[in-house]
């Protein structure tokens, strides 16, 4: 498939400025089957390589949003979070959540899968034992999202905004995981 252009948007409708920053991720993820996470990761990387100049510019723009307090501005470590956009036409049908993590988050299930763009902020972090870059969860998968070995900024793209949070108690409760981290972020 084609590469993602970080230049002008091809969208006919005007896109809010902050949403424009997420557009390369939306463009890369659109149409990718998530049924095979490794194949999806390879396809996503071919569309937008995190190590490419475009990927590096995108990651820097996302870090700047974090530093400006425009994303991941709710909660407390180990999970600070925000919803950048609900699933809509201008988001390609994905909801967009941004999380600044240093440990475990709440257990949840992905009815339609999950696409993550992961950026190392401190140390040598992994997300679910995967290095920074694209991380994909298949439809129907469930996990306790966990960052180990440092601090990571993660952009979650959820097809149709579909996510189901577990109703039982977490096995590893962390501070700051209060109301609002579940459905309806």
C-alpha atoms as a PDB file:
ATOM      1  CA  UNK A   1       0.000   0.000   0.000  1.00  0.00           C
ATOM      2  CA  UNK A   2       0.990   3.652  -0.277  1.00  0.00           C
ATOM      3  CA  UNK A   3       2.983   5.715   2.177  1.00  0.00           C
ATOM      4  CA  UNK A   4       1.277   8.210   4.445  1.00  0.00           C
ATOM      5  CA  UNK A   5       1.809  11.872   3.619  1.00  0.00           C
ATOM      6  CA  UNK A   6       2.342  14.208   6.578  1.00  0.00           C
ATOM      7  CA  UNK A   7       1.552  17.152   4.339  1.00  0.00           C
ATOM      8  CA  UNK A   8      -1.842  18.533   3.424  1.00  0.00           C
ATOM      9  CA  UNK A   9      -4.962  16.540   4.183  1.00  0.00           C
ATOM     10  CA  UNK A  10      -6.892  14.987   1.331  1.00  0.00           C
ATOM     11  CA  UNK A  11     -10.087  15.270   3.372  1.00  0.00           C
ATOM     12  CA  UNK A  12     -12.800  17.419   1.839  1.00  0.00           C
ATOM     13  CA  UNK A  13     -14.147  18.569   5.216  1.00  0.00           C
ATOM     14  CA  UNK A  14     -11.977  20.841   7.356  1.00  0.00           C
ATOM     15  CA  UNK A  15     -10.256  18.938  10.161  1.00  0.00           C
ATOM     16  CA  UNK A  16      -9.643  20.565  13.568  1.00  0.00           C
ATOM     17  CA  UNK A  17      -5.933  21.468  13.983  1.00  0.00           C
ATOM     18  CA  UNK A  18      -5.177  18.936  16.748  1.00  0.00           C
ATOM     19  CA  UNK A  19      -6.961  16.189  14.834  1.00  0.00           C
ATOM     20  CA  UNK A  20      -4.764  16.981  11.833  1.00  0.00           C
ATOM     21  CA  UNK A  21      -1.764  15.724  13.851  1.00  0.00           C
ATOM     22  CA  UNK A  22      -3.431  12.295  14.181  1.00  0.00           C
ATOM     23  CA  UNK A  23      -4.353  12.116  10.467  1.00  0.00           C
ATOM     24  CA  UNK A  24      -1.237  10.140   9.403  1.00  0.00           C
ATOM     25  CA  UNK A  25      -2.125   7.435  11.951  1.00  0.00           C
ATOM     26  CA  UNK A  26      -5.732   7.329  10.751  1.00  0.00           C
ATOM     27  CA  UNK A  27      -4.606   7.141   7.121  1.00  0.00           C
ATOM     28  CA  UNK A  28      -2.124   4.354   7.892  1.00  0.00           C
ATOM     29  CA  UNK A  29      -4.651   2.281   9.871  1.00  0.00           C
ATOM     30  CA  UNK A  30      -7.586   2.662   7.492  1.00  0.00           C
ATOM     31  CA  UNK A  31      -8.371  -0.612   5.756  1.00  0.00           C
ATOM     32  CA  UNK A  32      -5.770  -2.709   7.610  1.00  0.00           C
ATOM     33  CA  UNK A  33      -7.084  -6.094   8.766  1.00  0.00           C
ATOM     34  CA  UNK A  34      -6.313  -6.566  12.457  1.00  0.00           C
ATOM     35  CA  UNK A  35      -7.026 -10.312  12.490  1.00  0.00           C
ATOM     36  CA  UNK A  36      -3.295 -11.131  12.281  1.00  0.00           C
ATOM     37  CA  UNK A  37      -1.487  -8.608  14.543  1.00  0.00           C
ATOM     38  CA  UNK A  38       2.000  -9.271  13.143  1.00  0.00           C
ATOM     39  CA  UNK A  39       0.849  -8.932   9.518  1.00  0.00           C
ATOM     40  CA  UNK A  40      -1.043  -5.779  10.478  1.00  0.00           C
ATOM     41  CA  UNK A  41       2.051  -4.349  12.187  1.00  0.00           C
ATOM     42  CA  UNK A  42       4.137  -5.007   9.084  1.00  0.00           C
ATOM     43  CA  UNK A  43       1.506  -3.374   6.861  1.00  0.00           C
ATOM     44  CA  UNK A  44       1.253  -0.361   9.151  1.00  0.00           C
ATOM     45  CA  UNK A  45       5.047   0.002   9.198  1.00  0.00           C
ATOM     46  CA  UNK A  46       5.120  -0.120   5.392  1.00  0.00           C
ATOM     47  CA  UNK A  47       2.559   2.709   5.342  1.00  0.00           C
ATOM     48  CA  UNK A  48       4.123   4.813   8.119  1.00  0.00           C
ATOM     49  CA  UNK A  49       7.449   3.658   9.507  1.00  0.00           C
ATOM     50  CA  UNK A  50       8.025   4.985  13.055  1.00  0.00           C
ATOM     51  CA  UNK A  51      11.754   5.287  12.258  1.00  0.00           C
ATOM     52  CA  UNK A  52      11.227   7.261   9.037  1.00  0.00           C
ATOM     53  CA  UNK A  53      11.553  11.058   8.967  1.00  0.00           C
ATOM     54  CA  UNK A  54       7.742  11.277   8.696  1.00  0.00           C
ATOM     55  CA  UNK A  55       7.279   8.923  11.667  1.00  0.00           C
ATOM     56  CA  UNK A  56       9.817  10.856  13.731  1.00  0.00           C
ATOM     57  CA  UNK A  57       8.090  14.184  12.934  1.00  0.00           C
ATOM     58  CA  UNK A  58       4.743  12.699  13.935  1.00  0.00           C
ATOM     59  CA  UNK A  59       6.130  11.339  17.206  1.00  0.00           C
ATOM     60  CA  UNK A  60       7.701  14.723  17.984  1.00  0.00           C
ATOM     61  CA  UNK A  61       4.382  16.509  17.287  1.00  0.00           C
ATOM     62  CA  UNK A  62       2.608  14.097  19.665  1.00  0.00           C
ATOM     63  CA  UNK A  63       5.250  14.671  22.359  1.00  0.00           C
ATOM     64  CA  UNK A  64       4.735  18.425  21.930  1.00  0.00           C
ATOM     65  CA  UNK A  65       0.970  17.965  22.477  1.00  0.00           C
ATOM     66  CA  UNK A  66       1.769  16.048  25.684  1.00  0.00           C
ATOM     67  CA  UNK A  67       4.223  18.688  26.900  1.00  0.00           C
ATOM     68  CA  UNK A  68       1.650  21.427  26.182  1.00  0.00           C
ATOM     69  CA  UNK A  69      -0.923  19.587  28.324  1.00  0.00           C
ATOM     70  CA  UNK A  70      -3.271  19.020  25.379  1.00  0.00           C
ATOM     71  CA  UNK A  71      -3.303  15.196  25.645  1.00  0.00           C
ATOM     72  CA  UNK A  72      -3.011  12.646  28.479  1.00  0.00           C
ATOM     73  CA  UNK A  73      -4.020  15.361  30.937  1.00  0.00           C
ATOM     74  CA  UNK A  74      -6.327  13.292  33.176  1.00  0.00           C
ATOM     75  CA  UNK A  75      -5.558  10.705  35.849  1.00  0.00           C
ATOM     76  CA  UNK A  76      -2.211  10.162  37.544  1.00  0.00           C
ATOM     77  CA  UNK A  77       0.745   7.827  37.091  1.00  0.00           C
ATOM     78  CA  UNK A  78       1.014   5.067  36.124  1.00  0.00           C
ATOM     79  CA  UNK A  79      -1.719   6.057  33.642  1.00  0.00           C
ATOM     80  CA  UNK A  80      -2.511   9.570  32.461  1.00  0.00           C
ATOM     81  CA  UNK A  81      -5.029   9.623  29.637  1.00  0.00           C
ATOM     82  CA  UNK A  82      -7.340  11.630  27.401  1.00  0.00           C
ATOM     83  CA  UNK A  83      -9.760  11.138  24.572  1.00  0.00           C
ATOM     84  CA  UNK A  84      -8.622  13.159  21.558  1.00  0.00           C
ATOM     85  CA  UNK A  85     -11.654  12.231  19.432  1.00  0.00           C
ATOM     86  CA  UNK A  86     -14.679   9.980  19.390  1.00  0.00           C
ATOM     87  CA  UNK A  87     -15.141   7.651  16.439  1.00  0.00           C
ATOM     88  CA  UNK A  88     -16.476   9.765  13.571  1.00  0.00           C
ATOM     89  CA  UNK A  89     -16.226  10.177   9.824  1.00  0.00           C
ATOM     90  CA  UNK A  90     -13.276  12.586  10.141  1.00  0.00           C
ATOM     91  CA  UNK A  91     -11.386  10.003  12.255  1.00  0.00           C
ATOM     92  CA  UNK A  92     -11.906   7.185   9.775  1.00  0.00           C
ATOM     93  CA  UNK A  93     -14.298   5.547  12.241  1.00  0.00           C
ATOM     94  CA  UNK A  94     -11.620   5.266  14.948  1.00  0.00           C
ATOM     95  CA  UNK A  95     -11.797   6.769  18.399  1.00  0.00           C
ATOM     96  CA  UNK A  96      -8.464   8.295  19.395  1.00  0.00           C
ATOM     97  CA  UNK A  97      -7.177   8.017  22.962  1.00  0.00           C
ATOM     98  CA  UNK A  98      -3.763   9.144  24.188  1.00  0.00           C
ATOM     99  CA  UNK A  99      -2.114   7.623  27.251  1.00  0.00           C
ATOM    100  CA  UNK A 100       1.110   8.445  29.087  1.00  0.00           C
ATOM    101  CA  UNK A 101       2.017   5.178  30.857  1.00  0.00           C
ATOM    102  CA  UNK A 102       4.631   3.822  33.242  1.00  0.00           C
ATOM    103  CA  UNK A 103       2.815   0.679  34.439  1.00  0.00           C
ATOM    104  CA  UNK A 104      -0.430  -1.283  34.107  1.00  0.00           C
ATOM    105  CA  UNK A 105      -3.784   0.103  33.000  1.00  0.00           C
ATOM    106  CA  UNK A 106      -7.278  -1.348  33.323  1.00  0.00           C
ATOM    107  CA  UNK A 107      -8.106  -4.769  31.830  1.00  0.00           C
ATOM    108  CA  UNK A 108     -10.192  -4.446  28.697  1.00  0.00           C
ATOM    109  CA  UNK A 109     -11.360  -6.292  25.585  1.00  0.00           C
ATOM    110  CA  UNK A 110     -11.165  -5.133  21.959  1.00  0.00           C
ATOM    111  CA  UNK A 111     -14.338  -6.224  20.085  1.00  0.00           C
ATOM    112  CA  UNK A 112     -12.916  -4.817  16.824  1.00  0.00           C
ATOM    113  CA  UNK A 113      -9.215  -4.797  17.644  1.00  0.00           C
ATOM    114  CA  UNK A 114      -6.856  -1.979  18.590  1.00  0.00           C
ATOM    115  CA  UNK A 115      -4.083  -0.124  16.750  1.00  0.00           C
ATOM    116  CA  UNK A 116      -1.407   1.579  18.867  1.00  0.00           C
ATOM    117  CA  UNK A 117       1.366   4.024  17.994  1.00  0.00           C
ATOM    118  CA  UNK A 118       3.884   3.763  20.849  1.00  0.00           C
ATOM    119  CA  UNK A 119       6.595   6.344  21.582  1.00  0.00           C
ATOM    120  CA  UNK A 120       9.387   5.864  24.141  1.00  0.00           C
ATOM    121  CA  UNK A 121       9.611   8.862  26.489  1.00  0.00           C
ATOM    122  CA  UNK A 122      11.991   7.594  29.200  1.00  0.00           C
ATOM    123  CA  UNK A 123      14.102   4.478  29.638  1.00  0.00           C
ATOM    124  CA  UNK A 124      13.623   1.485  27.338  1.00  0.00           C
ATOM    125  CA  UNK A 125       9.876   0.911  27.603  1.00  0.00           C
ATOM    126  CA  UNK A 126       7.872  -1.904  26.109  1.00  0.00           C
ATOM    127  CA  UNK A 127       4.111  -2.116  25.727  1.00  0.00           C
ATOM    128  CA  UNK A 128       2.880  -5.630  26.341  1.00  0.00           C
ATOM    129  CA  UNK A 129       6.491  -6.765  25.833  1.00  0.00           C
ATOM    130  CA  UNK A 130       6.609  -5.070  22.409  1.00  0.00           C
ATOM    131  CA  UNK A 131       9.033  -2.301  21.506  1.00  0.00           C
ATOM    132  CA  UNK A 132       7.948   1.229  20.563  1.00  0.00           C
ATOM    133  CA  UNK A 133       6.310   1.578  17.163  1.00  0.00           C
ATOM    134  CA  UNK A 134       3.112  -0.038  15.958  1.00  0.00           C
ATOM    135  CA  UNK A 135       1.418  -2.529  18.303  1.00  0.00           C
ATOM    136  CA  UNK A 136      -1.770  -4.293  17.205  1.00  0.00           C
ATOM    137  CA  UNK A 137      -4.375  -6.216  19.187  1.00  0.00           C
ATOM    138  CA  UNK A 138      -6.705  -8.491  17.214  1.00  0.00           C
ATOM    139  CA  UNK A 139     -10.508  -8.353  17.346  1.00  0.00           C
ATOM    140  CA  UNK A 140     -11.792 -10.109  20.466  1.00  0.00           C
ATOM    141  CA  UNK A 141      -8.452  -9.881  22.284  1.00  0.00           C
ATOM    142  CA  UNK A 142      -8.248  -8.890  25.934  1.00  0.00           C
ATOM    143  CA  UNK A 143      -5.353  -7.615  28.038  1.00  0.00           C
ATOM    144  CA  UNK A 144      -4.123  -5.495  30.889  1.00  0.00           C
ATOM    145  CA  UNK A 145      -2.187  -2.871  28.932  1.00  0.00           C
ATOM    146  CA  UNK A 146       1.195  -2.577  30.613  1.00  0.00           C
ATOM    147  CA  UNK A 147       4.269  -0.470  30.021  1.00  0.00           C
ATOM    148  CA  UNK A 148       7.463  -1.862  31.533  1.00  0.00           C
ATOM    149  CA  UNK A 149      11.009  -0.517  31.618  1.00  0.00           C
ATOM    150  CA  UNK A 150      10.236   3.173  31.332  1.00  0.00           C
ATOM    151  CA  UNK A 151       7.627   5.645  30.189  1.00  0.00           C
ATOM    152  CA  UNK A 152       5.679   5.539  26.941  1.00  0.00           C
ATOM    153  CA  UNK A 153       3.229   7.762  25.091  1.00  0.00           C
ATOM    154  CA  UNK A 154       0.616   5.633  23.316  1.00  0.00           C
ATOM    155  CA  UNK A 155      -2.020   6.672  20.794  1.00  0.00           C
ATOM    156  CA  UNK A 156      -4.842   4.113  20.754  1.00  0.00           C
ATOM    157  CA  UNK A 157      -7.017   3.859  17.639  1.00  0.00           C
ATOM    158  CA  UNK A 158     -10.162   1.837  18.353  1.00  0.00           C
ATOM    159  CA  UNK A 159     -12.275   0.824  15.327  1.00  0.00           C
ATOM    160  CA  UNK A 160     -15.782   2.214  15.887  1.00  0.00           C
ATOM    161  CA  UNK A 161     -14.593   3.266  19.364  1.00  0.00           C
ATOM    162  CA  UNK A 162     -15.350  -0.271  20.556  1.00  0.00           C
ATOM    163  CA  UNK A 163     -13.825  -1.243  23.897  1.00  0.00           C
ATOM    164  CA  UNK A 164     -15.166  -3.228  26.845  1.00  0.00           C
ATOM    165  CA  UNK A 165     -13.646  -2.664  30.255  1.00  0.00           C
ATOM    166  CA  UNK A 166     -13.580  -5.544  32.743  1.00  0.00           C
ATOM    167  CA  UNK A 167     -16.024  -5.216  35.604  1.00  0.00           C
ATOM    168  CA  UNK A 168     -13.976  -7.208  38.116  1.00  0.00           C
ATOM    169  CA  UNK A 169     -11.278  -5.726  40.323  1.00  0.00           C
ATOM    170  CA  UNK A 170      -7.852  -5.208  38.811  1.00  0.00           C
ATOM    171  CA  UNK A 171      -5.092  -7.494  39.988  1.00  0.00           C
ATOM    172  CA  UNK A 172      -2.582  -4.658  40.146  1.00  0.00           C
ATOM    173  CA  UNK A 173      -4.361  -1.453  41.125  1.00  0.00           C
ATOM    174  CA  UNK A 174      -2.417   1.685  40.481  1.00  0.00           C
ATOM    175  CA  UNK A 175      -2.939   5.188  41.776  1.00  0.00           C
ATOM    176  CA  UNK A 176      -4.958   7.585  39.696  1.00  0.00           C
ATOM    177  CA  UNK A 177      -7.162   5.040  37.953  1.00  0.00           C
ATOM    178  CA  UNK A 178     -10.382   6.638  39.016  1.00  0.00           C
ATOM    179  CA  UNK A 179     -13.714   7.326  37.338  1.00  0.00           C
ATOM    180  CA  UNK A 180     -13.531   8.136  33.668  1.00  0.00           C
ATOM    181  CA  UNK A 181     -10.846   5.678  32.642  1.00  0.00           C
ATOM    182  CA  UNK A 182     -13.458   3.168  31.555  1.00  0.00           C
ATOM    183  CA  UNK A 183     -16.197   3.590  28.954  1.00  0.00           C
ATOM    184  CA  UNK A 184     -16.935   7.133  27.898  1.00  0.00           C
ATOM    185  CA  UNK A 185     -13.413   8.425  28.512  1.00  0.00           C
END
